[in-house]
Amino acid sequence: RNDYSNSFYSVVEGSVEVEIPGGERSGQRITVAQGQFFGELGLISGRRRAATVRASRDCVLIETPRRAMLKLIASVDSVRKLLDQEALKHALRAYLSQDLTDDDLQTLAASAQVKKYTTGADLFREGDVADGLYLIRRGSVTVSRMIGGKEIVLAYVAAGNIVGEMALLNTAPRMATVRAAVNAEAIVLAPDAFNQVVARDAALRAKLQTQAEGQQGLE
């Protein structure tokens, strides 16, 4: 975690474990098995590593330099789409629940769209109708609210994090404005897909509701 490395790794044999940092998720692990890959979020975002990855058993990995992977992504559309979907699945497991089923992950990932924002552009504004769940995959955003007639920045959210779940969960207008602090990209999940998954997973809904109560006003 926090390394400046940006290689992409494919698991040829064995498996590795991704340690999830921060809050209630701290100490939890996600297994990346033979035939899967990791490191795609750092590859895409260009930011420091968001998690620590350790070999959970003897393993063989292929390490691909960032420059080579970016060339491949730029030239082969199917590779770009696959990396987008897998980055989203990994982030959803890390920031929503590692118990999400493959079917639920596929439902969420299938609804995803990639959107780009220039510095200062709004992802959404306070009072807007909730239009989806946002995974920030490149750059960073600010979270702000109107307080006493002035817009006050309450938080900065870096690549690899999710914003926008509160309004979806509570079926309410946006409680804050989220704006690109620098040029940014987000993967946006359709609200119908998010609500469909949450509706059939009571434990996930309870977890998100608890988070929402602790983060009132932060989208």
C-alpha atoms as a PDB file:
ATOM      1  CA  ARG A   1       0.000   0.000   0.000  1.00  0.00           C
ATOM      2  CA  ASN A   2       1.187   3.527  -0.946  1.00  0.00           C
ATOM      3  CA  ASP A   3       3.979   2.209  -3.186  1.00  0.00           C
ATOM      4  CA  TYR A   4       4.592   4.206  -6.342  1.00  0.00           C
ATOM      5  CA  SER A   5       4.913   1.058  -8.483  1.00  0.00           C
ATOM      6  CA  ASN A   6       2.462   0.716 -11.381  1.00  0.00           C
ATOM      7  CA  SER A   7       3.037  -2.666 -13.010  1.00  0.00           C
ATOM      8  CA  PHE A   8       0.198  -5.001 -13.926  1.00  0.00           C
ATOM      9  CA  TYR A   9       0.281  -8.594 -12.607  1.00  0.00           C
ATOM     10  CA  SER A  10      -1.252 -11.802 -13.968  1.00  0.00           C
ATOM     11  CA  VAL A  11      -1.463 -14.888 -11.740  1.00  0.00           C
ATOM     12  CA  VAL A  12      -0.130 -17.908 -13.650  1.00  0.00           C
ATOM     13  CA  GLU A  13       0.048 -20.313 -10.682  1.00  0.00           C
ATOM     14  CA  GLY A  14      -1.034 -20.120  -7.054  1.00  0.00           C
ATOM     15  CA  SER A  15      -2.892 -17.151  -5.588  1.00  0.00           C
ATOM     16  CA  VAL A  16      -2.414 -13.836  -3.779  1.00  0.00           C
ATOM     17  CA  GLU A  17      -4.413 -11.939  -1.174  1.00  0.00           C
ATOM     18  CA  VAL A  18      -5.359  -8.271  -1.392  1.00  0.00           C
ATOM     19  CA  GLU A  19      -5.511  -6.673   2.056  1.00  0.00           C
ATOM     20  CA  ILE A  20      -8.324  -4.148   2.290  1.00  0.00           C
ATOM     21  CA  PRO A  21      -7.284  -0.984   4.185  1.00  0.00           C
ATOM     22  CA  GLY A  22      -9.289   1.409   6.298  1.00  0.00           C
ATOM     23  CA  GLY A  23     -12.237   1.480   8.684  1.00  0.00           C
ATOM     24  CA  GLU A  24     -14.467  -1.538   9.156  1.00  0.00           C
ATOM     25  CA  ARG A  25     -12.943  -3.186   6.106  1.00  0.00           C
ATOM     26  CA  SER A  26      -9.424  -3.184   7.567  1.00  0.00           C
ATOM     27  CA  GLY A  27      -7.965  -6.674   7.863  1.00  0.00           C
ATOM     28  CA  GLN A  28     -10.321  -8.231   5.339  1.00  0.00           C
ATOM     29  CA  ARG A  29      -8.796  -9.929   2.321  1.00  0.00           C
ATOM     30  CA  ILE A  30      -9.799 -10.703  -1.232  1.00  0.00           C
ATOM     31  CA  THR A  31      -8.216 -13.674  -3.002  1.00  0.00           C
ATOM     32  CA  VAL A  32      -6.925 -13.307  -6.563  1.00  0.00           C
ATOM     33  CA  ALA A  33      -6.537 -16.804  -7.979  1.00  0.00           C
ATOM     34  CA  GLN A  34      -4.843 -18.487 -10.935  1.00  0.00           C
ATOM     35  CA  GLY A  35      -5.996 -17.003 -14.235  1.00  0.00           C
ATOM     36  CA  GLN A  36      -6.901 -13.647 -12.665  1.00  0.00           C
ATOM     37  CA  PHE A  37      -4.957 -10.393 -12.421  1.00  0.00           C
ATOM     38  CA  PHE A  38      -4.396  -7.416 -10.126  1.00  0.00           C
ATOM     39  CA  GLY A  39      -2.825  -3.980 -10.149  1.00  0.00           C
ATOM     40  CA  GLU A  40      -5.210  -2.595 -12.746  1.00  0.00           C
ATOM     41  CA  LEU A  41      -6.445   0.286 -10.598  1.00  0.00           C
ATOM     42  CA  GLY A  42      -2.951   1.694 -10.033  1.00  0.00           C
ATOM     43  CA  LEU A  43      -2.270   1.111 -13.705  1.00  0.00           C
ATOM     44  CA  ILE A  44      -5.318   3.119 -14.768  1.00  0.00           C
ATOM     45  CA  SER A  45      -5.212   5.845 -12.111  1.00  0.00           C
ATOM     46  CA  GLY A  46      -1.457   6.414 -12.044  1.00  0.00           C
ATOM     47  CA  ARG A  47      -1.685   6.905  -8.273  1.00  0.00           C
ATOM     48  CA  ARG A  48       0.057   5.129  -5.410  1.00  0.00           C
ATOM     49  CA  ARG A  49      -1.069   1.596  -4.598  1.00  0.00           C
ATOM     50  CA  ALA A  50      -4.318   1.516  -2.621  1.00  0.00           C
ATOM     51  CA  ALA A  51      -3.759  -1.903  -1.028  1.00  0.00           C
ATOM     52  CA  THR A  52      -1.082  -4.405  -0.038  1.00  0.00           C
ATOM     53  CA  VAL A  53      -0.940  -7.687  -1.972  1.00  0.00           C
ATOM     54  CA  ARG A  54       0.828 -10.759  -0.575  1.00  0.00           C
ATOM     55  CA  ALA A  55       1.370 -14.283  -1.854  1.00  0.00           C
ATOM     56  CA  SER A  56      -1.090 -16.547  -0.016  1.00  0.00           C
ATOM     57  CA  ARG A  57       0.740 -19.616  -1.373  1.00  0.00           C
ATOM     58  CA  ASP A  58       3.691 -20.267  -3.661  1.00  0.00           C
ATOM     59  CA  CYS A  59       2.843 -18.526  -6.895  1.00  0.00           C
ATOM     60  CA  VAL A  60       4.116 -17.518 -10.322  1.00  0.00           C
ATOM     61  CA  LEU A  61       3.188 -14.068 -11.635  1.00  0.00           C
ATOM     62  CA  ILE A  62       3.728 -12.248 -14.908  1.00  0.00           C
ATOM     63  CA  GLU A  63       4.643  -8.603 -14.319  1.00  0.00           C
ATOM     64  CA  THR A  64       3.813  -6.291 -17.238  1.00  0.00           C
ATOM     65  CA  PRO A  65       5.175  -2.709 -17.237  1.00  0.00           C
ATOM     66  CA  ARG A  66       2.617   0.112 -17.217  1.00  0.00           C
ATOM     67  CA  ARG A  67       3.745   1.519 -20.561  1.00  0.00           C
ATOM     68  CA  ALA A  68       3.212  -1.812 -22.343  1.00  0.00           C
ATOM     69  CA  MET A  69      -0.233  -2.265 -20.773  1.00  0.00           C
ATOM     70  CA  LEU A  70      -1.324   1.262 -21.668  1.00  0.00           C
ATOM     71  CA  LYS A  71      -0.358   0.624 -25.302  1.00  0.00           C
ATOM     72  CA  LEU A  72      -2.404  -2.578 -25.253  1.00  0.00           C
ATOM     73  CA  ILE A  73      -5.402  -0.840 -23.677  1.00  0.00           C
ATOM     74  CA  ALA A  74      -5.229   1.951 -26.256  1.00  0.00           C
ATOM     75  CA  SER A  75      -5.062  -0.437 -29.203  1.00  0.00           C
ATOM     76  CA  VAL A  76      -7.413  -3.277 -28.172  1.00  0.00           C
ATOM     77  CA  ASP A  77     -10.884  -2.163 -27.117  1.00  0.00           C
ATOM     78  CA  SER A  78     -11.824  -5.557 -25.638  1.00  0.00           C
ATOM     79  CA  VAL A  79      -8.836  -5.373 -23.266  1.00  0.00           C
ATOM     80  CA  ARG A  80      -9.838  -1.897 -22.098  1.00  0.00           C
ATOM     81  CA  LYS A  81     -13.415  -3.040 -21.440  1.00  0.00           C
ATOM     82  CA  LEU A  82     -12.243  -6.116 -19.541  1.00  0.00           C
ATOM     83  CA  LEU A  83      -9.901  -4.073 -17.342  1.00  0.00           C
ATOM     84  CA  ASP A  84     -12.654  -1.529 -16.661  1.00  0.00           C
ATOM     85  CA  GLN A  85     -15.045  -4.287 -15.586  1.00  0.00           C
ATOM     86  CA  GLU A  86     -12.500  -6.097 -13.422  1.00  0.00           C
ATOM     87  CA  ALA A  87     -11.327  -2.867 -11.775  1.00  0.00           C
ATOM     88  CA  LEU A  88     -14.942  -2.134 -10.957  1.00  0.00           C
ATOM     89  CA  LYS A  89     -15.553  -5.631  -9.548  1.00  0.00           C
ATOM     90  CA  HIS A  90     -12.462  -5.429  -7.346  1.00  0.00           C
ATOM     91  CA  ALA A  91     -13.458  -1.985  -6.073  1.00  0.00           C
ATOM     92  CA  LEU A  92     -17.038  -3.069  -5.397  1.00  0.00           C
ATOM     93  CA  ARG A  93     -15.855  -6.047  -3.393  1.00  0.00           C
ATOM     94  CA  ALA A  94     -13.426  -3.826  -1.475  1.00  0.00           C
ATOM     95  CA  TYR A  95     -15.750  -0.891  -0.785  1.00  0.00           C
ATOM     96  CA  LEU A  96     -19.196  -2.523  -0.703  1.00  0.00           C
ATOM     97  CA  SER A  97     -18.840  -6.172   0.278  1.00  0.00           C
ATOM     98  CA  GLN A  98     -16.414  -8.978  -0.456  1.00  0.00           C
ATOM     99  CA  ASP A  99     -19.409 -11.337  -0.214  1.00  0.00           C
ATOM    100  CA  LEU A 100     -21.009 -10.009  -3.400  1.00  0.00           C
ATOM    101  CA  THR A 101     -21.820 -12.934  -5.674  1.00  0.00           C
ATOM    102  CA  ASP A 102     -20.421 -13.214  -9.179  1.00  0.00           C
ATOM    103  CA  ASP A 103     -23.957 -12.686 -10.527  1.00  0.00           C
ATOM    104  CA  ASP A 104     -24.368  -9.480  -8.518  1.00  0.00           C
ATOM    105  CA  LEU A 105     -20.972  -8.217  -9.634  1.00  0.00           C
ATOM    106  CA  GLN A 106     -21.848  -8.969 -13.242  1.00  0.00           C
ATOM    107  CA  THR A 107     -25.178  -7.154 -12.885  1.00  0.00           C
ATOM    108  CA  LEU A 108     -23.396  -4.071 -11.558  1.00  0.00           C
ATOM    109  CA  ALA A 109     -20.510  -4.185 -14.012  1.00  0.00           C
ATOM    110  CA  ALA A 110     -22.784  -4.667 -17.032  1.00  0.00           C
ATOM    111  CA  SER A 111     -24.486  -1.334 -16.315  1.00  0.00           C
ATOM    112  CA  ALA A 112     -21.229   0.609 -16.104  1.00  0.00           C
ATOM    113  CA  GLN A 113     -20.204   3.579 -18.224  1.00  0.00           C
ATOM    114  CA  VAL A 114     -16.895   5.434 -18.221  1.00  0.00           C
ATOM    115  CA  LYS A 115     -17.178   9.220 -17.947  1.00  0.00           C
ATOM    116  CA  LYS A 116     -14.412  11.827 -18.133  1.00  0.00           C
ATOM    117  CA  TYR A 117     -14.345  15.184 -16.362  1.00  0.00           C
ATOM    118  CA  THR A 118     -12.107  18.206 -16.764  1.00  0.00           C
ATOM    119  CA  THR A 119     -10.857  20.101 -13.720  1.00  0.00           C
ATOM    120  CA  GLY A 120     -13.754  21.860 -12.033  1.00  0.00           C
ATOM    121  CA  ALA A 121     -16.492  19.885 -13.802  1.00  0.00           C
ATOM    122  CA  ASP A 122     -19.382  18.575 -11.693  1.00  0.00           C
ATOM    123  CA  LEU A 123     -20.006  14.846 -11.423  1.00  0.00           C
ATOM    124  CA  PHE A 124     -23.275  15.772  -9.740  1.00  0.00           C
ATOM    125  CA  ARG A 125     -24.668  18.649  -7.683  1.00  0.00           C
ATOM    126  CA  GLU A 126     -26.412  18.954  -4.346  1.00  0.00           C
ATOM    127  CA  GLY A 127     -30.147  18.501  -4.906  1.00  0.00           C
ATOM    128  CA  ASP A 128     -29.786  16.486  -8.135  1.00  0.00           C
ATOM    129  CA  VAL A 129     -31.698  13.258  -8.647  1.00  0.00           C
ATOM    130  CA  ALA A 130     -29.374  10.310  -7.970  1.00  0.00           C
ATOM    131  CA  ASP A 131     -28.184   9.032 -11.339  1.00  0.00           C
ATOM    132  CA  GLY A 132     -25.790   6.272 -10.308  1.00  0.00           C
ATOM    133  CA  LEU A 133     -22.888   5.053  -8.218  1.00  0.00           C
ATOM    134  CA  TYR A 134     -19.465   6.514  -9.096  1.00  0.00           C
ATOM    135  CA  LEU A 135     -16.117   4.733  -8.857  1.00  0.00           C
ATOM    136  CA  ILE A 136     -13.344   7.324  -9.205  1.00  0.00           C
ATOM    137  CA  ARG A 137     -10.738   5.536 -11.290  1.00  0.00           C
ATOM    138  CA  ARG A 138      -8.455   8.440 -12.189  1.00  0.00           C
ATOM    139  CA  GLY A 139      -7.758  11.819 -10.585  1.00  0.00           C
ATOM    140  CA  SER A 140      -9.600  13.034  -7.485  1.00  0.00           C
ATOM    141  CA  VAL A 141     -12.800  14.870  -6.575  1.00  0.00           C
ATOM    142  CA  THR A 142     -14.052  17.231  -3.890  1.00  0.00           C
ATOM    143  CA  VAL A 143     -17.231  16.793  -1.857  1.00  0.00           C
ATOM    144  CA  SER A 144     -18.907  20.055  -0.872  1.00  0.00           C
ATOM    145  CA  ARG A 145     -22.177  21.416   0.533  1.00  0.00           C
ATOM    146  CA  MET A 146     -23.882  24.797   0.733  1.00  0.00           C
ATOM    147  CA  ILE A 147     -23.565  25.963   4.342  1.00  0.00           C
ATOM    148  CA  GLY A 148     -24.646  29.449   5.378  1.00  0.00           C
ATOM    149  CA  GLY A 149     -24.937  30.495   1.750  1.00  0.00           C
ATOM    150  CA  LYS A 150     -21.373  29.387   0.905  1.00  0.00           C
ATOM    151  CA  GLU A 151     -20.138  26.218  -0.730  1.00  0.00           C
ATOM    152  CA  ILE A 152     -17.816  24.479   1.724  1.00  0.00           C
ATOM    153  CA  VAL A 153     -15.506  21.610   0.734  1.00  0.00           C
ATOM    154  CA  LEU A 154     -15.966  18.780   3.224  1.00  0.00           C
ATOM    155  CA  ALA A 155     -13.695  16.094   1.784  1.00  0.00           C
ATOM    156  CA  TYR A 156     -11.355  15.041  -0.994  1.00  0.00           C
ATOM    157  CA  VAL A 157     -11.851  11.617  -2.573  1.00  0.00           C
ATOM    158  CA  ALA A 158      -8.991   9.980  -4.480  1.00  0.00           C
ATOM    159  CA  ALA A 159      -9.031   7.399  -7.269  1.00  0.00           C
ATOM    160  CA  GLY A 160     -10.082   3.936  -6.143  1.00  0.00           C
ATOM    161  CA  ASN A 161     -12.975   5.138  -3.982  1.00  0.00           C
ATOM    162  CA  ILE A 162     -16.728   5.192  -4.482  1.00  0.00           C
ATOM    163  CA  VAL A 163     -19.103   8.157  -4.149  1.00  0.00           C
ATOM    164  CA  GLY A 164     -22.825   8.570  -4.636  1.00  0.00           C
ATOM    165  CA  GLU A 165     -24.194   5.553  -2.770  1.00  0.00           C
ATOM    166  CA  MET A 166     -25.969   7.564  -0.058  1.00  0.00           C
ATOM    167  CA  ALA A 167     -28.636   9.144  -2.254  1.00  0.00           C
ATOM    168  CA  LEU A 168     -29.238   5.833  -4.056  1.00  0.00           C
ATOM    169  CA  LEU A 169     -29.626   3.959  -0.800  1.00  0.00           C
ATOM    170  CA  ASN A 170     -32.050   6.494   0.682  1.00  0.00           C
ATOM    171  CA  THR A 171     -33.896   7.252  -2.585  1.00  0.00           C
ATOM    172  CA  ALA A 172     -33.235  10.926  -1.969  1.00  0.00           C
ATOM    173  CA  PRO A 173     -31.737  13.900  -3.825  1.00  0.00           C
ATOM    174  CA  ARG A 174     -27.982  14.337  -3.713  1.00  0.00           C
ATOM    175  CA  MET A 175     -26.887  15.729  -0.356  1.00  0.00           C
ATOM    176  CA  ALA A 176     -23.604  17.158  -1.656  1.00  0.00           C
ATOM    177  CA  THR A 177     -21.844  18.368  -4.786  1.00  0.00           C
ATOM    178  CA  VAL A 178     -19.005  16.220  -6.143  1.00  0.00           C
ATOM    179  CA  ARG A 179     -16.592  18.019  -8.467  1.00  0.00           C
ATOM    180  CA  ALA A 180     -13.381  17.046 -10.265  1.00  0.00           C
ATOM    181  CA  ALA A 181     -10.391  18.508  -8.388  1.00  0.00           C
ATOM    182  CA  VAL A 182      -8.190  17.644 -11.380  1.00  0.00           C
ATOM    183  CA  ASN A 183      -8.905  15.931 -14.695  1.00  0.00           C
ATOM    184  CA  ALA A 184     -10.721  12.781 -13.621  1.00  0.00           C
ATOM    185  CA  GLU A 185     -12.478   9.660 -14.846  1.00  0.00           C
ATOM    186  CA  ALA A 186     -15.262   7.708 -13.164  1.00  0.00           C
ATOM    187  CA  ILE A 187     -16.997   4.417 -13.838  1.00  0.00           C
ATOM    188  CA  VAL A 188     -20.716   5.047 -13.284  1.00  0.00           C
ATOM    189  CA  LEU A 189     -23.156   2.278 -12.356  1.00  0.00           C
ATOM    190  CA  ALA A 190     -26.819   2.631 -13.262  1.00  0.00           C
ATOM    191  CA  PRO A 191     -29.105   3.159 -10.238  1.00  0.00           C
ATOM    192  CA  ASP A 192     -31.431   0.315 -11.259  1.00  0.00           C
ATOM    193  CA  ALA A 193     -28.585  -2.216 -11.123  1.00  0.00           C
ATOM    194  CA  PHE A 194     -27.385  -0.920  -7.750  1.00  0.00           C
ATOM    195  CA  ASN A 195     -30.890  -1.007  -6.261  1.00  0.00           C
ATOM    196  CA  GLN A 196     -31.521  -4.488  -7.667  1.00  0.00           C
ATOM    197  CA  VAL A 197     -28.436  -5.888  -5.945  1.00  0.00           C
ATOM    198  CA  VAL A 198     -29.009  -4.082  -2.635  1.00  0.00           C
ATOM    199  CA  ALA A 199     -32.672  -5.155  -2.542  1.00  0.00           C
ATOM    200  CA  ARG A 200     -31.752  -8.836  -2.471  1.00  0.00           C
ATOM    201  CA  ASP A 201     -28.833  -8.517  -0.043  1.00  0.00           C
ATOM    202  CA  ALA A 202     -30.110  -7.493   3.394  1.00  0.00           C
ATOM    203  CA  ALA A 203     -26.649  -7.606   4.982  1.00  0.00           C
ATOM    204  CA  LEU A 204     -25.215  -5.275   2.347  1.00  0.00           C
ATOM    205  CA  ARG A 205     -28.096  -2.844   2.745  1.00  0.00           C
ATOM    206  CA  ALA A 206     -27.678  -2.790   6.534  1.00  0.00           C
ATOM    207  CA  LYS A 207     -23.931  -2.184   6.169  1.00  0.00           C
ATOM    208  CA  LEU A 208     -24.442   0.671   3.703  1.00  0.00           C
ATOM    209  CA  GLN A 209     -27.168   2.182   5.874  1.00  0.00           C
ATOM    210  CA  THR A 210     -24.809   2.206   8.853  1.00  0.00           C
ATOM    211  CA  GLN A 211     -22.149   3.910   6.746  1.00  0.00           C
ATOM    212  CA  ALA A 212     -24.704   6.433   5.496  1.00  0.00           C
ATOM    213  CA  GLU A 213     -25.718   7.333   9.055  1.00  0.00           C
ATOM    214  CA  GLY A 214     -22.079   7.949   9.916  1.00  0.00           C
ATOM    215  CA  GLN A 215     -21.439  10.091   6.836  1.00  0.00           C
ATOM    216  CA  GLN A 216     -24.486  12.341   6.656  1.00  0.00           C
ATOM    217  CA  GLY A 217     -23.947  14.964   4.001  1.00  0.00           C
ATOM    218  CA  LEU A 218     -21.024  13.203   2.320  1.00  0.00           C
ATOM    219  CA  GLU A 219     -22.048  11.713  -1.022  1.00  0.00           C
END
